[in-house]
Amino acid sequence: FAAYKAVGESMAEPLKYYQNNLVSYMNILQLMKEFGRP
């Protein structure tokens, strides 16, 4: 679930949204792959 979610704020601060929402998500996927969590 961990993500920023305000449409209006994302229009004003796109980098904040790409950084938080995608880096956090890719970290989760990377560790799932490493630890074999399916």
Full PDB file with SEQRES, HELIX, SHEET, SSBOND, CRYST1, ORIGX, SCALE, CONECT and MASTER records, all heavy atoms in Angstrom:
SEQRES   1 A   38  PHE ALA ALA TYR LYS ALA VAL GLY GLU SER MET ALA GLU          
SEQRES   2 A   38  PRO LEU LYS TYR TYR GLN ASN ASN LEU VAL SER TYR MET          
SEQRES   3 A   38  ASN ILE LEU GLN LEU MET LYS GLU PHE GLY ARG PRO              
HELIX    1 AA1 VAL A    7  ALA A   12  1                                   6    
HELIX    2 AA2 PRO A   14  PHE A   35  1                                  22    
CRYST1    1.000    1.000    1.000  90.00  90.00  90.00 P 1           1          
ORIGX1      1.000000  0.000000  0.000000        0.00000                         
ORIGX2      0.000000  1.000000  0.000000        0.00000                         
ORIGX3      0.000000  0.000000  1.000000        0.00000                         
SCALE1      1.000000  0.000000  0.000000        0.00000                         
SCALE2      0.000000  1.000000  0.000000        0.00000                         
SCALE3      0.000000  0.000000  1.000000        0.00000                         
ATOM      1  N   PHE A   1       0.818  -1.217   0.000  1.00  0.00           N  
ATOM      2  CA  PHE A   1       0.000   0.000   0.000  1.00  0.00           C  
ATOM      3  C   PHE A   1       0.853   1.269   0.000  1.00  0.00           C  
ATOM      4  O   PHE A   1       0.374   2.326  -0.383  1.00  0.00           O  
ATOM      5  CB  PHE A   1      -0.876   0.052   1.263  1.00  0.00           C  
ATOM      6  CG  PHE A   1      -1.958  -0.974   1.333  1.00  0.00           C  
ATOM      7  CD1 PHE A   1      -1.975  -1.919   2.350  1.00  0.00           C  
ATOM      8  CD2 PHE A   1      -2.987  -0.984   0.411  1.00  0.00           C  
ATOM      9  CE1 PHE A   1      -2.995  -2.860   2.442  1.00  0.00           C  
ATOM     10  CE2 PHE A   1      -4.009  -1.921   0.493  1.00  0.00           C  
ATOM     11  CZ  PHE A   1      -4.014  -2.858   1.508  1.00  0.00           C  
ATOM     12  N   ALA A   2       2.088   1.167   0.501  1.00  0.00           N  
ATOM     13  CA  ALA A   2       2.878   2.361   0.809  1.00  0.00           C  
ATOM     14  C   ALA A   2       3.113   3.215  -0.433  1.00  0.00           C  
ATOM     15  O   ALA A   2       3.928   2.877  -1.286  1.00  0.00           O  
ATOM     16  CB  ALA A   2       4.216   1.943   1.426  1.00  0.00           C  
ATOM     17  N   ALA A   3       2.380   4.316  -0.530  1.00  0.00           N  
ATOM     18  CA  ALA A   3       2.516   5.223  -1.680  1.00  0.00           C  
ATOM     19  C   ALA A   3       1.850   6.553  -1.349  1.00  0.00           C  
ATOM     20  O   ALA A   3       0.930   6.603  -0.532  1.00  0.00           O  
ATOM     21  CB  ALA A   3       1.852   4.620  -2.926  1.00  0.00           C  
ATOM     22  N   TYR A   4       2.334   7.609  -1.984  1.00  0.00           N  
ATOM     23  CA  TYR A   4       1.606   8.883  -1.929  1.00  0.00           C  
ATOM     24  C   TYR A   4       0.429   8.783  -2.886  1.00  0.00           C  
ATOM     25  O   TYR A   4       0.520   8.126  -3.927  1.00  0.00           O  
ATOM     26  CB  TYR A   4       2.511  10.035  -2.340  1.00  0.00           C  
ATOM     27  CG  TYR A   4       3.683  10.281  -1.420  1.00  0.00           C  
ATOM     28  CD1 TYR A   4       4.905  10.720  -1.922  1.00  0.00           C  
ATOM     29  CD2 TYR A   4       3.583  10.087  -0.037  1.00  0.00           C  
ATOM     30  CE1 TYR A   4       5.992  10.955  -1.086  1.00  0.00           C  
ATOM     31  CE2 TYR A   4       4.663  10.314   0.800  1.00  0.00           C  
ATOM     32  CZ  TYR A   4       5.863  10.752   0.268  1.00  0.00           C  
ATOM     33  OH  TYR A   4       6.939  10.979   1.095  1.00  0.00           O  
ATOM     34  N   LYS A   5      -0.686   9.486  -2.559  1.00  0.00           N  
ATOM     35  CA  LYS A   5      -1.910   9.192  -3.311  1.00  0.00           C  
ATOM     36  C   LYS A   5      -2.751  10.414  -3.699  1.00  0.00           C  
ATOM     37  O   LYS A   5      -3.892  10.250  -4.128  1.00  0.00           O  
ATOM     38  CB  LYS A   5      -2.775   8.229  -2.501  1.00  0.00           C  
ATOM     39  CG  LYS A   5      -3.201   8.793  -1.150  1.00  0.00           C  
ATOM     40  CD  LYS A   5      -4.152   7.875  -0.412  1.00  0.00           C  
ATOM     41  CE  LYS A   5      -4.663   8.554   0.847  1.00  0.00           C  
ATOM     42  NZ  LYS A   5      -5.630   7.735   1.579  1.00  0.00           N  
ATOM     43  N   ALA A   6      -2.227  11.625  -3.546  1.00  0.00           N  
ATOM     44  CA  ALA A   6      -3.040  12.807  -3.839  1.00  0.00           C  
ATOM     45  C   ALA A   6      -2.827  13.266  -5.285  1.00  0.00           C  
ATOM     46  O   ALA A   6      -1.727  13.675  -5.655  1.00  0.00           O  
ATOM     47  CB  ALA A   6      -2.697  13.934  -2.878  1.00  0.00           C  
ATOM     48  N   VAL A   7      -3.888  13.189  -6.073  1.00  0.00           N  
ATOM     49  CA  VAL A   7      -3.807  13.560  -7.493  1.00  0.00           C  
ATOM     50  C   VAL A   7      -3.292  14.984  -7.652  1.00  0.00           C  
ATOM     51  O   VAL A   7      -2.355  15.253  -8.411  1.00  0.00           O  
ATOM     52  CB  VAL A   7      -5.188  13.401  -8.166  1.00  0.00           C  
ATOM     53  CG1 VAL A   7      -5.199  14.045  -9.558  1.00  0.00           C  
ATOM     54  CG2 VAL A   7      -5.562  11.930  -8.276  1.00  0.00           C  
ATOM     55  N   GLY A   8      -3.905  15.940  -6.928  1.00  0.00           N  
ATOM     56  CA  GLY A   8      -3.530  17.349  -7.065  1.00  0.00           C  
ATOM     57  C   GLY A   8      -2.082  17.608  -6.704  1.00  0.00           C  
ATOM     58  O   GLY A   8      -1.363  18.311  -7.418  1.00  0.00           O  
ATOM     59  N   GLU A   9      -1.628  17.009  -5.577  1.00  0.00           N  
ATOM     60  CA  GLU A   9      -0.234  17.184  -5.150  1.00  0.00           C  
ATOM     61  C   GLU A   9       0.721  16.603  -6.183  1.00  0.00           C  
ATOM     62  O   GLU A   9       1.792  17.165  -6.439  1.00  0.00           O  
ATOM     63  CB  GLU A   9      -0.024  16.508  -3.802  1.00  0.00           C  
ATOM     64  CG  GLU A   9       1.377  16.727  -3.244  1.00  0.00           C  
ATOM     65  CD  GLU A   9       1.659  15.909  -1.994  1.00  0.00           C  
ATOM     66  OE1 GLU A   9       1.358  14.699  -1.980  1.00  0.00           O  
ATOM     67  OE2 GLU A   9       2.211  16.487  -1.042  1.00  0.00           O  
ATOM     68  N   SER A  10       0.332  15.484  -6.792  1.00  0.00           N  
ATOM     69  CA  SER A  10       1.220  14.861  -7.780  1.00  0.00           C  
ATOM     70  C   SER A  10       1.392  15.742  -9.012  1.00  0.00           C  
ATOM     71  O   SER A  10       2.433  15.707  -9.664  1.00  0.00           O  
ATOM     72  CB  SER A  10       0.699  13.473  -8.183  1.00  0.00           C  
ATOM     73  OG  SER A  10      -0.348  13.535  -9.132  1.00  0.00           O  
ATOM     74  N   MET A  11       0.364  16.539  -9.331  1.00  0.00           N  
ATOM     75  CA  MET A  11       0.479  17.471 -10.463  1.00  0.00           C  
ATOM     76  C   MET A  11       1.516  18.557 -10.149  1.00  0.00           C  
ATOM     77  O   MET A  11       2.249  19.002 -11.016  1.00  0.00           O  
ATOM     78  CB  MET A  11      -0.872  18.142 -10.752  1.00  0.00           C  
ATOM     79  CG  MET A  11      -2.015  17.177 -11.022  1.00  0.00           C  
ATOM     80  SD  MET A  11      -1.932  16.336 -12.609  1.00  0.00           S  
ATOM     81  CE  MET A  11      -2.615  17.569 -13.695  1.00  0.00           C  
ATOM     82  N   ALA A  12       1.571  18.968  -8.889  1.00  0.00           N  
ATOM     83  CA  ALA A  12       2.496  20.024  -8.470  1.00  0.00           C  
ATOM     84  C   ALA A  12       3.891  19.495  -8.169  1.00  0.00           C  
ATOM     85  O   ALA A  12       4.885  20.194  -8.355  1.00  0.00           O  
ATOM     86  CB  ALA A  12       1.938  20.742  -7.241  1.00  0.00           C  
ATOM     87  N   GLU A  13       3.972  18.225  -7.686  1.00  0.00           N  
ATOM     88  CA  GLU A  13       5.260  17.656  -7.273  1.00  0.00           C  
ATOM     89  C   GLU A  13       5.467  16.270  -7.877  1.00  0.00           C  
ATOM     90  O   GLU A  13       5.522  15.269  -7.140  1.00  0.00           O  
ATOM     91  CB  GLU A  13       5.330  17.577  -5.747  1.00  0.00           C  
ATOM     92  CG  GLU A  13       5.258  18.929  -5.066  1.00  0.00           C  
ATOM     93  CD  GLU A  13       5.615  18.818  -3.588  1.00  0.00           C  
ATOM     94  OE1 GLU A  13       6.770  18.435  -3.299  1.00  0.00           O  
ATOM     95  OE2 GLU A  13       4.755  19.097  -2.753  1.00  0.00           O  
ATOM     96  N   PRO A  14       5.602  16.186  -9.202  1.00  0.00           N  
ATOM     97  CA  PRO A  14       5.709  14.859  -9.829  1.00  0.00           C  
ATOM     98  C   PRO A  14       6.912  14.056  -9.364  1.00  0.00           C  
ATOM     99  O   PRO A  14       6.796  12.844  -9.142  1.00  0.00           O  
ATOM    100  CB  PRO A  14       5.789  15.176 -11.331  1.00  0.00           C  
ATOM    101  CG  PRO A  14       6.143  16.622 -11.423  1.00  0.00           C  
ATOM    102  CD  PRO A  14       5.597  17.263 -10.200  1.00  0.00           C  
ATOM    103  N   LEU A  15       8.066  14.690  -9.185  1.00  0.00           N  
ATOM    104  CA  LEU A  15       9.263  13.934  -8.788  1.00  0.00           C  
ATOM    105  C   LEU A  15       9.083  13.245  -7.446  1.00  0.00           C  
ATOM    106  O   LEU A  15       9.521  12.112  -7.247  1.00  0.00           O  
ATOM    107  CB  LEU A  15      10.487  14.854  -8.730  1.00  0.00           C  
ATOM    108  CG  LEU A  15      11.277  15.005 -10.032  1.00  0.00           C  
ATOM    109  CD1 LEU A  15      12.435  15.970  -9.817  1.00  0.00           C  
ATOM    110  CD2 LEU A  15      11.806  13.653 -10.508  1.00  0.00           C  
ATOM    111  N   LYS A  16       8.442  13.933  -6.524  1.00  0.00           N  
ATOM    112  CA  LYS A  16       8.154  13.352  -5.201  1.00  0.00           C  
ATOM    113  C   LYS A  16       7.382  12.045  -5.365  1.00  0.00           C  
ATOM    114  O   LYS A  16       7.652  11.058  -4.677  1.00  0.00           O  
ATOM    115  CB  LYS A  16       7.350  14.361  -4.379  1.00  0.00           C  
ATOM    116  CG  LYS A  16       6.878  13.847  -3.024  1.00  0.00           C  
ATOM    117  CD  LYS A  16       6.080  14.930  -2.299  1.00  0.00           C  
ATOM    118  CE  LYS A  16       5.485  14.385  -0.996  1.00  0.00           C  
ATOM    119  NZ  LYS A  16       4.723  15.404  -0.257  1.00  0.00           N  
ATOM    120  N   TYR A  17       6.430  12.032  -6.296  1.00  0.00           N  
ATOM    121  CA  TYR A  17       5.582  10.856  -6.506  1.00  0.00           C  
ATOM    122  C   TYR A  17       6.324   9.727  -7.208  1.00  0.00           C  
ATOM    123  O   TYR A  17       6.219   8.571  -6.809  1.00  0.00           O  
ATOM    124  CB  TYR A  17       4.301  11.253  -7.265  1.00  0.00           C  
ATOM    125  CG  TYR A  17       3.241  11.709  -6.287  1.00  0.00           C  
ATOM    126  CD1 TYR A  17       3.411  12.888  -5.557  1.00  0.00           C  
ATOM    127  CD2 TYR A  17       2.127  10.938  -6.022  1.00  0.00           C  
ATOM    128  CE1 TYR A  17       2.490  13.288  -4.617  1.00  0.00           C  
ATOM    129  CE2 TYR A  17       1.183  11.323  -5.086  1.00  0.00           C  
ATOM    130  CZ  TYR A  17       1.370  12.502  -4.385  1.00  0.00           C  
ATOM    131  OH  TYR A  17       0.460  12.880  -3.442  1.00  0.00           O  
ATOM    132  N   TYR A  18       7.085  10.066  -8.250  1.00  0.00           N  
ATOM    133  CA  TYR A  18       7.837   9.006  -8.941  1.00  0.00           C  
ATOM    134  C   TYR A  18       8.880   8.391  -8.020  1.00  0.00           C  
ATOM    135  O   TYR A  18       9.065   7.176  -7.981  1.00  0.00           O  
ATOM    136  CB  TYR A  18       8.480   9.553 -10.222  1.00  0.00           C  
ATOM    137  CG  TYR A  18       7.461   9.826 -11.307  1.00  0.00           C  
ATOM    138  CD1 TYR A  18       7.238  11.105 -11.779  1.00  0.00           C  
ATOM    139  CD2 TYR A  18       6.699   8.790 -11.850  1.00  0.00           C  
ATOM    140  CE1 TYR A  18       6.288  11.356 -12.757  1.00  0.00           C  
ATOM    141  CE2 TYR A  18       5.753   9.020 -12.831  1.00  0.00           C  
ATOM    142  CZ  TYR A  18       5.551  10.309 -13.281  1.00  0.00           C  
ATOM    143  OH  TYR A  18       4.598  10.544 -14.242  1.00  0.00           O  
ATOM    144  N   GLN A  19       9.568   9.240  -7.262  1.00  0.00           N  
ATOM    145  CA  GLN A  19      10.614   8.754  -6.347  1.00  0.00           C  
ATOM    146  C   GLN A  19      10.030   7.819  -5.303  1.00  0.00           C  
ATOM    147  O   GLN A  19      10.476   6.682  -5.126  1.00  0.00           O  
ATOM    148  CB  GLN A  19      11.283   9.959  -5.664  1.00  0.00           C  
ATOM    149  CG  GLN A  19      12.328   9.601  -4.616  1.00  0.00           C  
ATOM    150  CD  GLN A  19      13.631   9.115  -5.212  1.00  0.00           C  
ATOM    151  OE1 GLN A  19      13.944   9.450  -6.341  1.00  0.00           O  
ATOM    152  NE2 GLN A  19      14.390   8.337  -4.466  1.00  0.00           N  
ATOM    153  N   ASN A  20       9.010   8.275  -4.600  1.00  0.00           N  
ATOM    154  CA  ASN A  20       8.462   7.486  -3.490  1.00  0.00           C  
ATOM    155  C   ASN A  20       7.710   6.249  -3.980  1.00  0.00           C  
ATOM    156  O   ASN A  20       7.947   5.134  -3.514  1.00  0.00           O  
ATOM    157  CB  ASN A  20       7.525   8.351  -2.644  1.00  0.00           C  
ATOM    158  CG  ASN A  20       6.964   7.595  -1.450  1.00  0.00           C  
ATOM    159  OD1 ASN A  20       7.661   7.354  -0.473  1.00  0.00           O  
ATOM    160  ND2 ASN A  20       5.707   7.192  -1.536  1.00  0.00           N  
ATOM    161  N   ASN A  21       6.801   6.449  -4.914  1.00  0.00           N  
ATOM    162  CA  ASN A  21       5.898   5.355  -5.281  1.00  0.00           C  
ATOM    163  C   ASN A  21       6.587   4.234  -6.041  1.00  0.00           C  
ATOM    164  O   ASN A  21       6.205   3.074  -5.916  1.00  0.00           O  
ATOM    165  CB  ASN A  21       4.718   5.892  -6.092  1.00  0.00           C  
ATOM    166  CG  ASN A  21       3.787   6.766  -5.258  1.00  0.00           C  
ATOM    167  OD1 ASN A  21       4.097   7.105  -4.117  1.00  0.00           O  
ATOM    168  ND2 ASN A  21       2.647   7.124  -5.814  1.00  0.00           N  
ATOM    169  N   LEU A  22       7.616   4.577  -6.827  1.00  0.00           N  
ATOM    170  CA  LEU A  22       8.256   3.536  -7.632  1.00  0.00           C  
ATOM    171  C   LEU A  22       9.471   2.925  -6.942  1.00  0.00           C  
ATOM    172  O   LEU A  22       9.675   1.712  -6.996  1.00  0.00           O  
ATOM    173  CB  LEU A  22       8.631   4.090  -9.008  1.00  0.00           C  
ATOM    174  CG  LEU A  22       7.407   4.521  -9.846  1.00  0.00           C  
ATOM    175  CD1 LEU A  22       7.854   5.111 -11.171  1.00  0.00           C  
ATOM    176  CD2 LEU A  22       6.448   3.355 -10.085  1.00  0.00           C  
ATOM    177  N   VAL A  23      10.278   3.734  -6.264  1.00  0.00           N  
ATOM    178  CA  VAL A  23      11.460   3.181  -5.582  1.00  0.00           C  
ATOM    179  C   VAL A  23      11.036   2.221  -4.468  1.00  0.00           C  
ATOM    180  O   VAL A  23      11.558   1.106  -4.346  1.00  0.00           O  
ATOM    181  CB  VAL A  23      12.363   4.309  -5.029  1.00  0.00           C  
ATOM    182  CG1 VAL A  23      13.444   3.726  -4.120  1.00  0.00           C  
ATOM    183  CG2 VAL A  23      12.994   5.093  -6.180  1.00  0.00           C  
ATOM    184  N   SER A  24      10.054   2.626  -3.667  1.00  0.00           N  
ATOM    185  CA  SER A  24       9.588   1.759  -2.573  1.00  0.00           C  
ATOM    186  C   SER A  24       9.076   0.428  -3.118  1.00  0.00           C  
ATOM    187  O   SER A  24       9.354  -0.641  -2.564  1.00  0.00           O  
ATOM    188  CB  SER A  24       8.483   2.459  -1.777  1.00  0.00           C  
ATOM    189  OG  SER A  24       7.327   2.670  -2.576  1.00  0.00           O  
ATOM    190  N   TYR A  25       8.360   0.502  -4.208  1.00  0.00           N  
ATOM    191  CA  TYR A  25       7.757  -0.685  -4.826  1.00  0.00           C  
ATOM    192  C   TYR A  25       8.825  -1.616  -5.404  1.00  0.00           C  
ATOM    193  O   TYR A  25       8.792  -2.835  -5.203  1.00  0.00           O  
ATOM    194  CB  TYR A  25       6.817  -0.183  -5.915  1.00  0.00           C  
ATOM    195  CG  TYR A  25       6.101  -1.228  -6.716  1.00  0.00           C  
ATOM    196  CD1 TYR A  25       5.275  -2.155  -6.107  1.00  0.00           C  
ATOM    197  CD2 TYR A  25       6.226  -1.252  -8.101  1.00  0.00           C  
ATOM    198  CE1 TYR A  25       4.592  -3.096  -6.860  1.00  0.00           C  
ATOM    199  CE2 TYR A  25       5.545  -2.177  -8.857  1.00  0.00           C  
ATOM    200  CZ  TYR A  25       4.731  -3.105  -8.234  1.00  0.00           C  
ATOM    201  OH  TYR A  25       4.055  -4.019  -8.981  1.00  0.00           O  
ATOM    202  N   MET A  26       9.805  -1.033  -6.099  1.00  0.00           N  
ATOM    203  CA  MET A  26      10.878  -1.858  -6.677  1.00  0.00           C  
ATOM    204  C   MET A  26      11.746  -2.486  -5.582  1.00  0.00           C  
ATOM    205  O   MET A  26      12.225  -3.607  -5.733  1.00  0.00           O  
ATOM    206  CB  MET A  26      11.699  -1.040  -7.663  1.00  0.00           C  
ATOM    207  CG  MET A  26      10.922  -0.741  -8.946  1.00  0.00           C  
ATOM    208  SD  MET A  26      11.903  -0.007 -10.269  1.00  0.00           S  
ATOM    209  CE  MET A  26      12.128   1.645  -9.644  1.00  0.00           C  
ATOM    210  N   ASN A  27      11.911  -1.780  -4.464  1.00  0.00           N  
ATOM    211  CA  ASN A  27      12.628  -2.368  -3.330  1.00  0.00           C  
ATOM    212  C   ASN A  27      11.905  -3.617  -2.817  1.00  0.00           C  
ATOM    213  O   ASN A  27      12.542  -4.643  -2.537  1.00  0.00           O  
ATOM    214  CB  ASN A  27      12.754  -1.348  -2.192  1.00  0.00           C  
ATOM    215  CG  ASN A  27      13.802  -0.287  -2.457  1.00  0.00           C  
ATOM    216  OD1 ASN A  27      14.605  -0.410  -3.377  1.00  0.00           O  
ATOM    217  ND2 ASN A  27      13.794   0.766  -1.654  1.00  0.00           N  
ATOM    218  N   ILE A  28      10.606  -3.524  -2.696  1.00  0.00           N  
ATOM    219  CA  ILE A  28       9.800  -4.672  -2.245  1.00  0.00           C  
ATOM    220  C   ILE A  28       9.992  -5.853  -3.202  1.00  0.00           C  
ATOM    221  O   ILE A  28      10.257  -6.989  -2.788  1.00  0.00           O  
ATOM    222  CB  ILE A  28       8.305  -4.287  -2.169  1.00  0.00           C  
ATOM    223  CG1 ILE A  28       8.041  -3.311  -1.019  1.00  0.00           C  
ATOM    224  CG2 ILE A  28       7.415  -5.542  -2.085  1.00  0.00           C  
ATOM    225  CD1 ILE A  28       7.667  -3.895   0.304  1.00  0.00           C  
ATOM    226  N   LEU A  29       9.861  -5.585  -4.502  1.00  0.00           N  
ATOM    227  CA  LEU A  29       9.976  -6.658  -5.491  1.00  0.00           C  
ATOM    228  C   LEU A  29      11.376  -7.271  -5.492  1.00  0.00           C  
ATOM    229  O   LEU A  29      11.540  -8.487  -5.604  1.00  0.00           O  
ATOM    230  CB  LEU A  29       9.624  -6.124  -6.883  1.00  0.00           C  
ATOM    231  CG  LEU A  29       8.142  -5.802  -7.107  1.00  0.00           C  
ATOM    232  CD1 LEU A  29       7.960  -5.000  -8.389  1.00  0.00           C  
ATOM    233  CD2 LEU A  29       7.305  -7.077  -7.151  1.00  0.00           C  
ATOM    234  N   GLN A  30      12.393  -6.417  -5.377  1.00  0.00           N  
ATOM    235  CA  GLN A  30      13.776  -6.892  -5.352  1.00  0.00           C  
ATOM    236  C   GLN A  30      14.003  -7.854  -4.192  1.00  0.00           C  
ATOM    237  O   GLN A  30      14.596  -8.930  -4.339  1.00  0.00           O  
ATOM    238  CB  GLN A  30      14.726  -5.693  -5.229  1.00  0.00           C  
ATOM    239  CG  GLN A  30      16.203  -6.049  -5.067  1.00  0.00           C  
ATOM    240  CD  GLN A  30      16.781  -6.741  -6.292  1.00  0.00           C  
ATOM    241  OE1 GLN A  30      16.383  -6.448  -7.414  1.00  0.00           O  
ATOM    242  NE2 GLN A  30      17.695  -7.671  -6.076  1.00  0.00           N  
ATOM    243  N   LEU A  31      13.487  -7.483  -3.006  1.00  0.00           N  
ATOM    244  CA  LEU A  31      13.693  -8.325  -1.831  1.00  0.00           C  
ATOM    245  C   LEU A  31      12.835  -9.586  -1.877  1.00  0.00           C  
ATOM    246  O   LEU A  31      13.263 -10.653  -1.406  1.00  0.00           O  
ATOM    247  CB  LEU A  31      13.415  -7.521  -0.554  1.00  0.00           C  
ATOM    248  CG  LEU A  31      14.467  -6.421  -0.290  1.00  0.00           C  
ATOM    249  CD1 LEU A  31      14.019  -5.498   0.828  1.00  0.00           C  
ATOM    250  CD2 LEU A  31      15.835  -7.023   0.029  1.00  0.00           C  
ATOM    251  N   MET A  32      11.653  -9.497  -2.464  1.00  0.00           N  
ATOM    252  CA  MET A  32      10.844 -10.705  -2.650  1.00  0.00           C  
ATOM    253  C   MET A  32      11.592 -11.706  -3.519  1.00  0.00           C  
ATOM    254  O   MET A  32      11.617 -12.901  -3.232  1.00  0.00           O  
ATOM    255  CB  MET A  32       9.499 -10.346  -3.289  1.00  0.00           C  
ATOM    256  CG  MET A  32       8.550  -9.639  -2.343  1.00  0.00           C  
ATOM    257  SD  MET A  32       6.975  -9.263  -3.141  1.00  0.00           S  
ATOM    258  CE  MET A  32       6.335 -10.921  -3.404  1.00  0.00           C  
ATOM    259  N   LYS A  33      12.221 -11.211  -4.563  1.00  0.00           N  
ATOM    260  CA  LYS A  33      13.002 -12.069  -5.463  1.00  0.00           C  
ATOM    261  C   LYS A  33      14.194 -12.679  -4.705  1.00  0.00           C  
ATOM    262  O   LYS A  33      14.439 -13.876  -4.779  1.00  0.00           O  
ATOM    263  CB  LYS A  33      13.470 -11.248  -6.661  1.00  0.00           C  
ATOM    264  CG  LYS A  33      14.336 -11.989  -7.666  1.00  0.00           C  
ATOM    265  CD  LYS A  33      14.573 -11.107  -8.880  1.00  0.00           C  
ATOM    266  CE  LYS A  33      15.607 -11.703  -9.821  1.00  0.00           C  
ATOM    267  NZ  LYS A  33      16.988 -11.493  -9.367  1.00  0.00           N  
ATOM    268  N   GLU A  34      14.906 -11.837  -3.967  1.00  0.00           N  
ATOM    269  CA  GLU A  34      16.083 -12.310  -3.209  1.00  0.00           C  
ATOM    270  C   GLU A  34      15.717 -13.372  -2.172  1.00  0.00           C  
ATOM    271  O   GLU A  34      16.429 -14.365  -1.997  1.00  0.00           O  
ATOM    272  CB  GLU A  34      16.721 -11.127  -2.453  1.00  0.00           C  
ATOM    273  CG  GLU A  34      17.772 -10.381  -3.224  1.00  0.00           C  
ATOM    274  CD  GLU A  34      18.395  -9.291  -2.361  1.00  0.00           C  
ATOM    275  OE1 GLU A  34      18.676  -9.551  -1.161  1.00  0.00           O  
ATOM    276  OE2 GLU A  34      18.585  -8.175  -2.884  1.00  0.00           O  
ATOM    277  N   PHE A  35      14.612 -13.143  -1.460  1.00  0.00           N  
ATOM    278  CA  PHE A  35      14.255 -14.002  -0.325  1.00  0.00           C  
ATOM    279  C   PHE A  35      13.282 -15.116  -0.715  1.00  0.00           C  
ATOM    280  O   PHE A  35      12.884 -15.910   0.131  1.00  0.00           O  
ATOM    281  CB  PHE A  35      13.651 -13.164   0.807  1.00  0.00           C  
ATOM    282  CG  PHE A  35      14.664 -12.383   1.603  1.00  0.00           C  
ATOM    283  CD1 PHE A  35      15.182 -11.188   1.117  1.00  0.00           C  
ATOM    284  CD2 PHE A  35      15.118 -12.841   2.834  1.00  0.00           C  
ATOM    285  CE1 PHE A  35      16.115 -10.462   1.841  1.00  0.00           C  
ATOM    286  CE2 PHE A  35      16.055 -12.126   3.562  1.00  0.00           C  
ATOM    287  CZ  PHE A  35      16.564 -10.931   3.068  1.00  0.00           C  
ATOM    288  N   GLY A  36      12.882 -15.156  -1.979  1.00  0.00           N  
ATOM    289  CA  GLY A  36      11.979 -16.208  -2.434  1.00  0.00           C  
ATOM    290  C   GLY A  36      10.579 -16.110  -1.847  1.00  0.00           C  
ATOM    291  O   GLY A  36       9.946 -17.133  -1.561  1.00  0.00           O  
ATOM    292  N   ARG A  37      10.104 -14.884  -1.656  1.00  0.00           N  
ATOM    293  CA  ARG A  37       8.733 -14.683  -1.171  1.00  0.00           C  
ATOM    294  C   ARG A  37       7.827 -14.551  -2.402  1.00  0.00           C  
ATOM    295  O   ARG A  37       7.998 -13.621  -3.193  1.00  0.00           O  
ATOM    296  CB  ARG A  37       8.641 -13.451  -0.279  1.00  0.00           C  
ATOM    297  CG  ARG A  37       9.703 -13.397   0.838  1.00  0.00           C  
ATOM    298  CD  ARG A  37       9.472 -14.475   1.901  1.00  0.00           C  
ATOM    299  NE  ARG A  37      10.616 -14.621   2.801  1.00  0.00           N  
ATOM    300  CZ  ARG A  37      10.841 -13.894   3.882  1.00  0.00           C  
ATOM    301  NH1 ARG A  37      10.027 -12.921   4.218  1.00  0.00           N  
ATOM    302  NH2 ARG A  37      11.896 -14.148   4.657  1.00  0.00           N  
ATOM    303  N   PRO A  38       6.856 -15.446  -2.591  1.00  0.00           N  
ATOM    304  CA  PRO A  38       6.246 -15.583  -3.914  1.00  0.00           C  
ATOM    305  C   PRO A  38       5.157 -14.598  -4.312  1.00  0.00           C  
ATOM    306  O   PRO A  38       5.038 -14.245  -5.486  1.00  0.00           O  
ATOM    307  CB  PRO A  38       5.655 -17.001  -3.880  1.00  0.00           C  
ATOM    308  CG  PRO A  38       5.418 -17.279  -2.434  1.00  0.00           C  
ATOM    309  CD  PRO A  38       6.485 -16.540  -1.683  1.00  0.00           C  
TER     310      PRO A  38                                                      
MASTER        0    0    0    2    0    0    0    6  309    1    0    3          
END                                                                             
